[in-house]
Amino acid sequence: MKQKIIRFLCRFIPNRTARNRACFLLENRAYVNKCIRFVKSQGKFKNIKKIVGRGSRNLVVNADNKYVFKFPGKGNGYEKSLREQKITDVLRSISPIKIPDVEILDFNGIAVRKYPYIDGINLGHFPPKNVPHDIENKIAKQLAQFLYIIGQSDPKELRDLKPNPNAKPSILHGWCQNDVKYNFIMNPKTFNIVAVIDWEEAGFNDFCTLFTYEKDYRSVMTAVLREYLKLYIK
């Protein structure tokens, strides 16, 4: 009955993302409070901010803009956490853009991922309309270089995670983070991309859809594709 009441009240929140996040926090209040207490046990943090991940898959806790803790919304989270840690440990030395460390903490049998906080904004919060041409090109060159270098890499340590261990990288096919819009962190003053976060959905796959799936970012991604092809055909 309580859950039905919460969902009924949340229906009046017009924004779908805000509605889903409010429902998650209210329906899982006891779990959320336990997560907050766990974060507090990890240090003397004064400012703790709760964020519900897209699709309510995770609860993310920002502690004093020093660390970010990610709690799974469902399950114990160990499979995804260990997979992300393995991928990032290998690709960190290859990537031209910083990939933050992933530390896995145990919280009553649940895997909690702890990351250093990265200051900046994600590309999804950077309005693409009326972006000056020189800034668009600067962003595009950084993204293209990253996609090319990571995509063309084939570390032997990650071959067991590929759908086909013998598959080789090719044009627009290879290792990819798979979400440009929300996981690339940029300095809004310099327009330098300072980090790439959230690798749990990364995979060895075709990534041509990155250039078309977000209509609002099509101009930027068209520039990325142009720069990527320049690198590939060298």
C-alpha atoms as a PDB file:
ATOM      1  CA  MET A   1       0.000   0.000   0.000  1.00  0.00           C
ATOM      2  CA  LYS A   2       2.819   2.403   0.908  1.00  0.00           C
ATOM      3  CA  GLN A   3       4.512   1.826  -2.439  1.00  0.00           C
ATOM      4  CA  LYS A   4       1.259   2.495  -4.293  1.00  0.00           C
ATOM      5  CA  ILE A   5       0.830   5.799  -2.455  1.00  0.00           C
ATOM      6  CA  ILE A   6       4.391   6.854  -3.283  1.00  0.00           C
ATOM      7  CA  ARG A   7       3.956   6.024  -6.957  1.00  0.00           C
ATOM      8  CA  PHE A   8       0.621   7.842  -7.060  1.00  0.00           C
ATOM      9  CA  LEU A   9       2.154  10.999  -5.586  1.00  0.00           C
ATOM     10  CA  CYS A  10       5.205  10.797  -7.866  1.00  0.00           C
ATOM     11  CA  ARG A  11       2.898  10.797 -10.891  1.00  0.00           C
ATOM     12  CA  PHE A  12       2.416  14.531 -10.334  1.00  0.00           C
ATOM     13  CA  ILE A  13       6.111  15.261 -10.964  1.00  0.00           C
ATOM     14  CA  PRO A  14       6.099  16.303 -14.649  1.00  0.00           C
ATOM     15  CA  ASN A  15       9.717  15.508 -15.514  1.00  0.00           C
ATOM     16  CA  ARG A  16      10.158  11.778 -16.053  1.00  0.00           C
ATOM     17  CA  THR A  17      13.750  11.649 -14.805  1.00  0.00           C
ATOM     18  CA  ALA A  18      12.919  13.619 -11.650  1.00  0.00           C
ATOM     19  CA  ARG A  19       9.834  11.454 -11.127  1.00  0.00           C
ATOM     20  CA  ASN A  20      11.794   8.186 -11.321  1.00  0.00           C
ATOM     21  CA  ARG A  21      14.490   9.476  -8.990  1.00  0.00           C
ATOM     22  CA  ALA A  22      11.982  10.726  -6.406  1.00  0.00           C
ATOM     23  CA  CYS A  23      10.210   7.361  -6.458  1.00  0.00           C
ATOM     24  CA  PHE A  24      13.501   5.513  -5.999  1.00  0.00           C
ATOM     25  CA  LEU A  25      14.520   7.630  -2.986  1.00  0.00           C
ATOM     26  CA  LEU A  26      11.114   7.313  -1.323  1.00  0.00           C
ATOM     27  CA  GLU A  27      10.597   3.613  -2.005  1.00  0.00           C
ATOM     28  CA  ASN A  28      14.125   2.727  -0.883  1.00  0.00           C
ATOM     29  CA  ARG A  29      14.434   5.173   1.992  1.00  0.00           C
ATOM     30  CA  ALA A  30      15.761   2.581   4.478  1.00  0.00           C
ATOM     31  CA  TYR A  31      18.397   1.363   1.986  1.00  0.00           C
ATOM     32  CA  VAL A  32      19.380   4.937   1.112  1.00  0.00           C
ATOM     33  CA  ASN A  33      19.827   5.822   4.798  1.00  0.00           C
ATOM     34  CA  LYS A  34      22.056   2.765   5.309  1.00  0.00           C
ATOM     35  CA  CYS A  35      24.135   3.813   2.318  1.00  0.00           C
ATOM     36  CA  ILE A  36      24.577   7.310   3.741  1.00  0.00           C
ATOM     37  CA  ARG A  37      25.674   5.892   7.099  1.00  0.00           C
ATOM     38  CA  PHE A  38      28.210   3.699   5.310  1.00  0.00           C
ATOM     39  CA  VAL A  39      29.640   6.707   3.466  1.00  0.00           C
ATOM     40  CA  LYS A  40      29.932   8.617   6.747  1.00  0.00           C
ATOM     41  CA  SER A  41      31.850   5.689   8.216  1.00  0.00           C
ATOM     42  CA  GLN A  42      34.490   6.130   5.498  1.00  0.00           C
ATOM     43  CA  GLY A  43      35.558   9.611   6.555  1.00  0.00           C
ATOM     44  CA  LYS A  44      34.620  12.843   8.293  1.00  0.00           C
ATOM     45  CA  PHE A  45      32.524  14.226   5.466  1.00  0.00           C
ATOM     46  CA  LYS A  46      30.469  17.375   6.022  1.00  0.00           C
ATOM     47  CA  ASN A  47      28.548  17.705   2.775  1.00  0.00           C
ATOM     48  CA  ILE A  48      26.893  14.587   1.380  1.00  0.00           C
ATOM     49  CA  LYS A  49      24.749  14.731  -1.739  1.00  0.00           C
ATOM     50  CA  LYS A  50      22.529  11.908  -3.009  1.00  0.00           C
ATOM     51  CA  ILE A  51      22.101  11.379  -6.754  1.00  0.00           C
ATOM     52  CA  VAL A  52      20.026   8.654  -8.363  1.00  0.00           C
ATOM     53  CA  GLY A  53      21.595   7.332 -11.542  1.00  0.00           C
ATOM     54  CA  ARG A  54      19.764   7.303 -14.851  1.00  0.00           C
ATOM     55  CA  GLY A  55      17.146   4.590 -14.956  1.00  0.00           C
ATOM     56  CA  SER A  56      17.415   4.337 -11.147  1.00  0.00           C
ATOM     57  CA  ARG A  57      20.112   1.705 -11.604  1.00  0.00           C
ATOM     58  CA  ASN A  58      22.428   3.151  -8.964  1.00  0.00           C
ATOM     59  CA  LEU A  59      22.511   5.415  -5.953  1.00  0.00           C
ATOM     60  CA  VAL A  60      25.459   7.799  -6.237  1.00  0.00           C
ATOM     61  CA  VAL A  61      26.708   9.679  -3.176  1.00  0.00           C
ATOM     62  CA  ASN A  62      29.023  12.680  -3.490  1.00  0.00           C
ATOM     63  CA  ALA A  63      31.066  13.186  -0.322  1.00  0.00           C
ATOM     64  CA  ASP A  64      32.519  16.695   0.056  1.00  0.00           C
ATOM     65  CA  ASN A  65      33.431  16.781  -3.651  1.00  0.00           C
ATOM     66  CA  LYS A  66      36.311  14.490  -2.710  1.00  0.00           C
ATOM     67  CA  TYR A  67      34.914  11.052  -3.416  1.00  0.00           C
ATOM     68  CA  VAL A  68      31.945   9.538  -5.186  1.00  0.00           C
ATOM     69  CA  PHE A  69      30.393   6.297  -3.907  1.00  0.00           C
ATOM     70  CA  LYS A  70      28.167   4.228  -6.180  1.00  0.00           C
ATOM     71  CA  PHE A  71      25.697   1.764  -4.651  1.00  0.00           C
ATOM     72  CA  PRO A  72      23.798  -0.706  -6.878  1.00  0.00           C
ATOM     73  CA  GLY A  73      20.043  -0.170  -7.129  1.00  0.00           C
ATOM     74  CA  LYS A  74      19.518  -3.925  -7.412  1.00  0.00           C
ATOM     75  CA  GLY A  75      21.618  -7.004  -6.678  1.00  0.00           C
ATOM     76  CA  ASN A  76      25.010  -7.052  -4.988  1.00  0.00           C
ATOM     77  CA  GLY A  77      26.774  -5.240  -7.832  1.00  0.00           C
ATOM     78  CA  TYR A  78      29.926  -7.364  -7.712  1.00  0.00           C
ATOM     79  CA  GLU A  79      29.863  -8.601 -11.296  1.00  0.00           C
ATOM     80  CA  LYS A  80      29.580  -5.118 -12.815  1.00  0.00           C
ATOM     81  CA  SER A  81      32.017  -3.612 -10.314  1.00  0.00           C
ATOM     82  CA  LEU A  82      34.747  -6.160 -10.957  1.00  0.00           C
ATOM     83  CA  ARG A  83      34.211  -5.895 -14.703  1.00  0.00           C
ATOM     84  CA  GLU A  84      34.488  -2.096 -14.614  1.00  0.00           C
ATOM     85  CA  GLN A  85      37.586  -2.242 -12.426  1.00  0.00           C
ATOM     86  CA  LYS A  86      39.288  -4.705 -14.781  1.00  0.00           C
ATOM     87  CA  ILE A  87      38.505  -2.643 -17.885  1.00  0.00           C
ATOM     88  CA  THR A  88      39.622   0.650 -16.368  1.00  0.00           C
ATOM     89  CA  ASP A  89      42.810  -0.802 -14.879  1.00  0.00           C
ATOM     90  CA  VAL A  90      43.857  -1.958 -18.350  1.00  0.00           C
ATOM     91  CA  LEU A  91      42.675   0.988 -20.459  1.00  0.00           C
ATOM     92  CA  ARG A  92      43.924   3.690 -18.066  1.00  0.00           C
ATOM     93  CA  SER A  93      47.478   3.431 -19.378  1.00  0.00           C
ATOM     94  CA  ILE A  94      46.242   3.600 -22.986  1.00  0.00           C
ATOM     95  CA  SER A  95      43.676   6.376 -22.758  1.00  0.00           C
ATOM     96  CA  PRO A  96      44.619   9.933 -23.794  1.00  0.00           C
ATOM     97  CA  ILE A  97      41.984  11.165 -21.310  1.00  0.00           C
ATOM     98  CA  LYS A  98      42.076  10.413 -17.595  1.00  0.00           C
ATOM     99  CA  ILE A  99      40.183   7.342 -16.420  1.00  0.00           C
ATOM    100  CA  PRO A 100      39.660   7.550 -12.621  1.00  0.00           C
ATOM    101  CA  ASP A 101      40.633   4.714 -10.280  1.00  0.00           C
ATOM    102  CA  VAL A 102      37.890   2.347  -9.126  1.00  0.00           C
ATOM    103  CA  GLU A 103      38.072   1.028  -5.567  1.00  0.00           C
ATOM    104  CA  ILE A 104      35.595  -1.657  -4.532  1.00  0.00           C
ATOM    105  CA  LEU A 105      34.353  -1.618  -0.932  1.00  0.00           C
ATOM    106  CA  ASP A 106      32.182  -4.261   0.719  1.00  0.00           C
ATOM    107  CA  PHE A 107      28.951  -3.073   2.311  1.00  0.00           C
ATOM    108  CA  ASN A 108      27.215  -6.080   3.906  1.00  0.00           C
ATOM    109  CA  GLY A 109      27.845  -8.209   0.830  1.00  0.00           C
ATOM    110  CA  ILE A 110      27.168  -5.373  -1.606  1.00  0.00           C
ATOM    111  CA  ALA A 111      29.897  -3.977  -3.868  1.00  0.00           C
ATOM    112  CA  VAL A 112      30.291  -0.223  -3.473  1.00  0.00           C
ATOM    113  CA  ARG A 113      32.441   1.548  -6.028  1.00  0.00           C
ATOM    114  CA  LYS A 114      34.502   4.471  -4.745  1.00  0.00           C
ATOM    115  CA  TYR A 115      35.949   6.991  -7.189  1.00  0.00           C
ATOM    116  CA  PRO A 116      37.879  10.245  -6.783  1.00  0.00           C
ATOM    117  CA  TYR A 117      35.607  13.202  -7.486  1.00  0.00           C
ATOM    118  CA  ILE A 118      36.210  14.863 -10.863  1.00  0.00           C
ATOM    119  CA  ASP A 119      35.456  18.578 -11.069  1.00  0.00           C
ATOM    120  CA  GLY A 120      33.687  19.703 -14.230  1.00  0.00           C
ATOM    121  CA  ILE A 121      30.448  19.192 -16.142  1.00  0.00           C
ATOM    122  CA  ASN A 122      29.406  16.292 -18.319  1.00  0.00           C
ATOM    123  CA  LEU A 123      28.748  16.950 -21.977  1.00  0.00           C
ATOM    124  CA  GLY A 124      25.053  16.338 -21.377  1.00  0.00           C
ATOM    125  CA  HIS A 125      24.943  19.536 -19.309  1.00  0.00           C
ATOM    126  CA  PHE A 126      26.765  21.569 -21.937  1.00  0.00           C
ATOM    127  CA  PRO A 127      24.223  23.126 -24.328  1.00  0.00           C
ATOM    128  CA  PRO A 128      25.281  22.206 -27.871  1.00  0.00           C
ATOM    129  CA  LYS A 129      23.253  24.917 -29.596  1.00  0.00           C
ATOM    130  CA  ASN A 130      25.220  27.872 -30.909  1.00  0.00           C
ATOM    131  CA  VAL A 131      28.568  26.343 -29.926  1.00  0.00           C
ATOM    132  CA  PRO A 132      31.308  28.388 -31.631  1.00  0.00           C
ATOM    133  CA  HIS A 133      33.022  26.519 -34.431  1.00  0.00           C
ATOM    134  CA  ASP A 134      36.474  26.612 -32.821  1.00  0.00           C
ATOM    135  CA  ILE A 135      35.134  25.184 -29.537  1.00  0.00           C
ATOM    136  CA  GLU A 136      33.195  22.490 -31.384  1.00  0.00           C
ATOM    137  CA  ASN A 137      36.372  21.486 -33.202  1.00  0.00           C
ATOM    138  CA  LYS A 138      38.367  21.433 -29.964  1.00  0.00           C
ATOM    139  CA  ILE A 139      35.847  19.104 -28.308  1.00  0.00           C
ATOM    140  CA  ALA A 140      35.592  16.975 -31.457  1.00  0.00           C
ATOM    141  CA  LYS A 141      39.353  16.429 -31.732  1.00  0.00           C
ATOM    142  CA  GLN A 142      39.586  15.264 -28.121  1.00  0.00           C
ATOM    143  CA  LEU A 143      36.656  12.865 -28.455  1.00  0.00           C
ATOM    144  CA  ALA A 144      37.894  11.533 -31.801  1.00  0.00           C
ATOM    145  CA  GLN A 145      41.386  10.856 -30.485  1.00  0.00           C
ATOM    146  CA  PHE A 146      39.962   9.048 -27.466  1.00  0.00           C
ATOM    147  CA  LEU A 147      37.528   6.932 -29.521  1.00  0.00           C
ATOM    148  CA  TYR A 148      40.250   6.057 -32.014  1.00  0.00           C
ATOM    149  CA  ILE A 149      42.953   5.085 -29.505  1.00  0.00           C
ATOM    150  CA  ILE A 150      40.643   3.088 -27.237  1.00  0.00           C
ATOM    151  CA  GLY A 151      38.749   1.593 -30.171  1.00  0.00           C
ATOM    152  CA  GLN A 152      41.885   0.383 -31.930  1.00  0.00           C
ATOM    153  CA  SER A 153      43.423  -1.100 -28.793  1.00  0.00           C
ATOM    154  CA  ASP A 154      43.199  -4.843 -28.228  1.00  0.00           C
ATOM    155  CA  PRO A 155      44.740  -5.585 -24.808  1.00  0.00           C
ATOM    156  CA  LYS A 156      45.200  -9.291 -24.216  1.00  0.00           C
ATOM    157  CA  GLU A 157      44.069  -8.803 -20.602  1.00  0.00           C
ATOM    158  CA  LEU A 158      40.559  -7.938 -21.828  1.00  0.00           C
ATOM    159  CA  ARG A 159      40.080 -10.531 -24.557  1.00  0.00           C
ATOM    160  CA  ASP A 160      38.003 -12.761 -22.272  1.00  0.00           C
ATOM    161  CA  LEU A 161      35.448  -9.932 -22.014  1.00  0.00           C
ATOM    162  CA  LYS A 162      34.969  -9.677 -25.784  1.00  0.00           C
ATOM    163  CA  PRO A 163      31.950 -11.405 -27.381  1.00  0.00           C
ATOM    164  CA  ASN A 164      34.475 -13.130 -29.627  1.00  0.00           C
ATOM    165  CA  PRO A 165      37.993 -13.325 -28.129  1.00  0.00           C
ATOM    166  CA  ASN A 166      39.496 -13.475 -31.630  1.00  0.00           C
ATOM    167  CA  ALA A 167      37.668 -10.401 -32.975  1.00  0.00           C
ATOM    168  CA  LYS A 168      39.923  -7.572 -34.128  1.00  0.00           C
ATOM    169  CA  PRO A 169      39.324  -3.815 -34.006  1.00  0.00           C
ATOM    170  CA  SER A 170      38.144  -2.183 -37.205  1.00  0.00           C
ATOM    171  CA  ILE A 171      36.639   1.135 -38.247  1.00  0.00           C
ATOM    172  CA  LEU A 172      34.020   2.224 -35.675  1.00  0.00           C
ATOM    173  CA  HIS A 173      34.322  -1.159 -33.979  1.00  0.00           C
ATOM    174  CA  GLY A 174      36.336  -1.988 -30.888  1.00  0.00           C
ATOM    175  CA  TRP A 175      36.505  -1.095 -27.214  1.00  0.00           C
ATOM    176  CA  CYS A 176      34.175   1.794 -26.425  1.00  0.00           C
ATOM    177  CA  GLN A 177      32.810   3.488 -23.323  1.00  0.00           C
ATOM    178  CA  ASN A 178      29.445   3.661 -25.134  1.00  0.00           C
ATOM    179  CA  ASP A 179      28.024   6.873 -23.627  1.00  0.00           C
ATOM    180  CA  VAL A 180      29.628  10.112 -24.789  1.00  0.00           C
ATOM    181  CA  LYS A 181      26.933  12.484 -23.593  1.00  0.00           C
ATOM    182  CA  TYR A 182      26.863  11.729 -19.868  1.00  0.00           C
ATOM    183  CA  ASN A 183      30.245  10.264 -18.972  1.00  0.00           C
ATOM    184  CA  PHE A 184      32.780  12.629 -20.497  1.00  0.00           C
ATOM    185  CA  ILE A 185      33.657  15.334 -17.955  1.00  0.00           C
ATOM    186  CA  MET A 186      34.722  18.701 -19.357  1.00  0.00           C
ATOM    187  CA  ASN A 187      36.224  21.845 -17.881  1.00  0.00           C
ATOM    188  CA  PRO A 188      33.604  24.470 -18.894  1.00  0.00           C
ATOM    189  CA  LYS A 189      36.206  27.239 -18.988  1.00  0.00           C
ATOM    190  CA  THR A 190      38.915  25.591 -21.076  1.00  0.00           C
ATOM    191  CA  PHE A 191      36.713  23.039 -22.919  1.00  0.00           C
ATOM    192  CA  ASN A 192      39.285  20.360 -22.150  1.00  0.00           C
ATOM    193  CA  ILE A 193      37.848  16.908 -21.460  1.00  0.00           C
ATOM    194  CA  VAL A 194      39.361  16.015 -18.112  1.00  0.00           C
ATOM    195  CA  ALA A 195      38.016  12.503 -17.456  1.00  0.00           C
ATOM    196  CA  VAL A 196      35.901   9.637 -18.735  1.00  0.00           C
ATOM    197  CA  ILE A 197      33.821   7.968 -16.020  1.00  0.00           C
ATOM    198  CA  ASP A 198      31.342   5.097 -15.573  1.00  0.00           C
ATOM    199  CA  TRP A 199      32.716   2.150 -17.528  1.00  0.00           C
ATOM    200  CA  GLU A 200      30.266  -0.517 -16.389  1.00  0.00           C
ATOM    201  CA  GLU A 201      28.536  -0.596 -19.801  1.00  0.00           C
ATOM    202  CA  ALA A 202      31.769  -0.461 -21.823  1.00  0.00           C
ATOM    203  CA  GLY A 203      32.293  -3.201 -24.344  1.00  0.00           C
ATOM    204  CA  PHE A 204      33.987  -4.403 -27.498  1.00  0.00           C
ATOM    205  CA  ASN A 205      31.344  -3.552 -30.066  1.00  0.00           C
ATOM    206  CA  ASP A 206      30.220  -1.437 -32.974  1.00  0.00           C
ATOM    207  CA  PHE A 207      30.005   2.226 -31.929  1.00  0.00           C
ATOM    208  CA  CYS A 208      28.763   3.972 -35.055  1.00  0.00           C
ATOM    209  CA  THR A 209      25.460   4.756 -33.299  1.00  0.00           C
ATOM    210  CA  LEU A 210      27.339   7.173 -31.026  1.00  0.00           C
ATOM    211  CA  PHE A 211      27.288   9.634 -33.903  1.00  0.00           C
ATOM    212  CA  THR A 212      23.535   9.585 -34.491  1.00  0.00           C
ATOM    213  CA  TYR A 213      21.676   8.610 -31.305  1.00  0.00           C
ATOM    214  CA  GLU A 214      21.532  12.109 -29.761  1.00  0.00           C
ATOM    215  CA  LYS A 215      19.820  14.525 -32.167  1.00  0.00           C
ATOM    216  CA  ASP A 216      20.775  17.619 -30.146  1.00  0.00           C
ATOM    217  CA  TYR A 217      24.456  16.673 -30.326  1.00  0.00           C
ATOM    218  CA  ARG A 218      24.507  15.666 -33.972  1.00  0.00           C
ATOM    219  CA  SER A 219      26.542  18.686 -35.059  1.00  0.00           C
ATOM    220  CA  VAL A 220      29.250  17.993 -32.477  1.00  0.00           C
ATOM    221  CA  MET A 221      29.259  14.256 -33.190  1.00  0.00           C
ATOM    222  CA  THR A 222      29.457  14.874 -36.939  1.00  0.00           C
ATOM    223  CA  ALA A 223      32.629  16.863 -36.243  1.00  0.00           C
ATOM    224  CA  VAL A 224      33.889  13.982 -34.060  1.00  0.00           C
ATOM    225  CA  LEU A 225      33.274  11.493 -36.861  1.00  0.00           C
ATOM    226  CA  ARG A 226      35.144  13.711 -39.329  1.00  0.00           C
ATOM    227  CA  GLU A 227      38.168  13.909 -37.021  1.00  0.00           C
ATOM    228  CA  TYR A 228      37.989  10.184 -36.248  1.00  0.00           C
ATOM    229  CA  LEU A 229      38.098   9.269 -39.936  1.00  0.00           C
ATOM    230  CA  LYS A 230      41.143  11.488 -40.404  1.00  0.00           C
ATOM    231  CA  LEU A 231      42.948   9.462 -37.755  1.00  0.00           C
ATOM    232  CA  TYR A 232      41.785   6.121 -39.113  1.00  0.00           C
ATOM    233  CA  ILE A 233      42.891   6.692 -42.698  1.00  0.00           C
ATOM    234  CA  LYS A 234      46.354   8.030 -41.844  1.00  0.00           C
END
